[in-house]
Amino acid sequence: MCTMWIKQCQMMLLIFFLVLVGCDDHSAKPMKKIDHKTWQLPVAKVVVQDLPINYNATGSVVSDQRIEVTSRTIGYIREIAVREGELVKKGQSLIMLDDADVEGAIRQAQAAVNKAT
């Protein structure tokens, strides 16, 4: 069984070899030599140097976290307690509204209550 397998392998190798030799084309023309083009490109030397710590550039900074700040009442802003970009904490007062309009509305409501009683 083993000798038969060896003979089959030898026969396959012989056929493979004959096919490879038969594929050789001796009448083929030799390949043309390819002319390679060259380009002159600018070259810069690498220089080791210190870089400045600060670098000035023009651009925009956009936060990936945005919140919407609204007021429950309408009024004029009397004071702004924080600056743009400053870190704030939950519950921190950001602005002070002018309370003259609110106090006037409260006095009007109290007068209406007093008149009704």
Protein backbone atom coordinates (compact mmCIF):
# COMPACT_ATOMS: atom_id res chain seq x y z
CA MET A 1 0.00 0.00 0.00
CA CYS A 2 2.80 2.37 0.94
CA THR A 3 4.86 1.57 -2.17
CA MET A 4 1.89 2.24 -4.38
CA TRP A 5 1.40 5.61 -2.75
CA ILE A 6 5.08 6.47 -3.29
CA LYS A 7 4.82 5.51 -6.96
CA GLN A 8 1.75 7.70 -7.38
CA CYS A 9 3.59 10.63 -5.78
CA GLN A 10 6.61 10.10 -8.06
CA MET A 11 4.36 9.99 -11.10
CA MET A 12 2.58 13.21 -10.05
CA LEU A 13 5.92 14.97 -9.53
CA LEU A 14 7.14 13.82 -12.96
CA ILE A 15 3.96 15.11 -14.63
CA PHE A 16 4.23 18.39 -12.73
CA PHE A 17 7.88 18.80 -13.79
CA LEU A 18 7.06 18.09 -17.47
CA VAL A 19 4.24 20.63 -17.40
CA LEU A 20 6.55 23.28 -15.96
CA VAL A 21 9.27 22.60 -18.55
CA GLY A 22 6.69 22.63 -21.36
CA CYS A 23 5.42 26.05 -20.29
CA ASP A 24 8.79 27.70 -20.94
CA ASP A 25 8.60 29.92 -24.06
CA HIS A 26 12.09 30.13 -25.56
CA SER A 27 10.89 32.30 -28.45
CA ALA A 28 9.78 35.14 -26.16
CA LYS A 29 11.48 38.47 -26.67
CA PRO A 30 13.65 39.77 -23.84
CA MET A 31 12.02 42.45 -21.71
CA LYS A 32 12.83 46.07 -22.47
CA LYS A 33 14.87 47.94 -19.93
CA ILE A 34 12.68 50.40 -18.08
CA ASP A 35 14.01 53.93 -17.71
CA HIS A 36 13.31 55.19 -14.21
CA LYS A 37 12.54 58.89 -13.85
CA THR A 38 14.05 60.89 -11.03
CA TRP A 39 12.83 64.14 -9.54
CA GLN A 40 14.75 66.79 -7.65
CA LEU A 41 12.78 67.55 -4.48
CA PRO A 42 13.56 70.11 -1.79
CA VAL A 43 15.17 68.66 1.32
CA ALA A 44 15.32 70.15 4.80
CA LYS A 45 17.85 69.33 7.49
CA VAL A 46 16.56 68.14 10.86
CA VAL A 47 17.56 70.53 13.63
CA VAL A 48 17.34 69.78 17.35
CA GLN A 49 16.10 72.87 19.20
CA ASP A 50 13.98 73.92 22.16
CA LEU A 51 10.35 74.74 21.49
CA PRO A 52 8.49 77.55 23.29
CA ILE A 53 6.15 76.55 26.10
CA ASN A 54 3.45 78.94 24.87
CA TYR A 55 2.25 79.01 21.31
CA ASN A 56 -0.09 81.76 20.06
CA ALA A 57 -2.65 80.79 17.46
CA THR A 58 -6.01 82.00 16.22
CA GLY A 59 -8.95 79.66 16.53
CA SER A 60 -12.16 78.71 18.28
CA VAL A 61 -12.74 76.52 21.31
CA VAL A 62 -15.98 74.58 21.48
CA SER A 63 -17.02 72.63 24.54
CA ASP A 64 -18.37 69.11 24.19
CA GLN A 65 -20.68 69.81 27.14
CA ARG A 66 -23.36 72.46 26.74
CA ILE A 67 -26.06 73.60 29.12
CA GLU A 68 -28.94 75.99 28.78
CA VAL A 69 -29.36 78.59 31.50
CA THR A 70 -32.82 80.12 31.93
CA SER A 71 -34.62 82.23 34.50
CA ARG A 72 -38.06 81.61 35.95
CA THR A 73 -38.80 85.35 35.99
CA ILE A 74 -38.34 88.17 33.55
CA GLY A 75 -36.24 91.16 34.58
CA TYR A 76 -33.20 93.29 33.96
CA ILE A 77 -29.78 92.00 34.96
CA ARG A 78 -28.29 94.11 37.76
CA GLU A 79 -25.02 92.18 38.29
CA ILE A 80 -23.13 89.33 36.61
CA ALA A 81 -21.35 87.24 39.28
CA VAL A 82 -19.17 85.05 37.03
CA ARG A 83 -17.01 85.50 33.96
CA GLU A 84 -17.33 83.56 30.71
CA GLY A 85 -15.39 80.29 30.88
CA GLU A 86 -15.19 80.30 34.70
CA LEU A 87 -15.97 77.05 36.51
CA VAL A 88 -19.21 77.16 38.51
CA LYS A 89 -20.84 74.80 41.00
CA LYS A 90 -24.40 73.61 41.27
CA GLY A 91 -26.53 76.19 43.07
CA GLN A 92 -24.00 79.02 42.61
CA SER A 93 -25.54 82.40 41.79
CA LEU A 94 -24.63 83.49 38.26
CA ILE A 95 -26.48 86.81 37.98
CA MET A 96 -28.55 89.17 40.12
CA LEU A 97 -31.80 90.43 38.59
CA ASP A 98 -33.18 93.91 39.29
CA ASP A 99 -36.05 93.27 41.70
CA ALA A 100 -37.85 96.61 41.26
CA ASP A 101 -40.39 95.11 38.83
CA VAL A 102 -41.02 92.12 41.13
CA GLU A 103 -41.45 94.30 44.23
CA GLY A 104 -43.88 96.54 42.33
CA ALA A 105 -45.94 93.49 41.30
CA ILE A 106 -45.97 92.23 44.93
CA ARG A 107 -47.19 95.65 46.21
CA GLN A 108 -49.89 95.68 43.55
CA ALA A 109 -51.04 92.18 44.51
CA GLN A 110 -51.10 93.10 48.24
CA ALA A 111 -53.09 96.24 47.47
CA ALA A 112 -55.62 94.16 45.52
CA VAL A 113 -55.92 91.72 48.45
CA ASN A 114 -56.35 94.56 50.94
CA LYS A 115 -59.01 96.17 48.75
CA ALA A 116 -60.92 92.89 48.41
CA THR A 117 -61.12 92.32 52.17
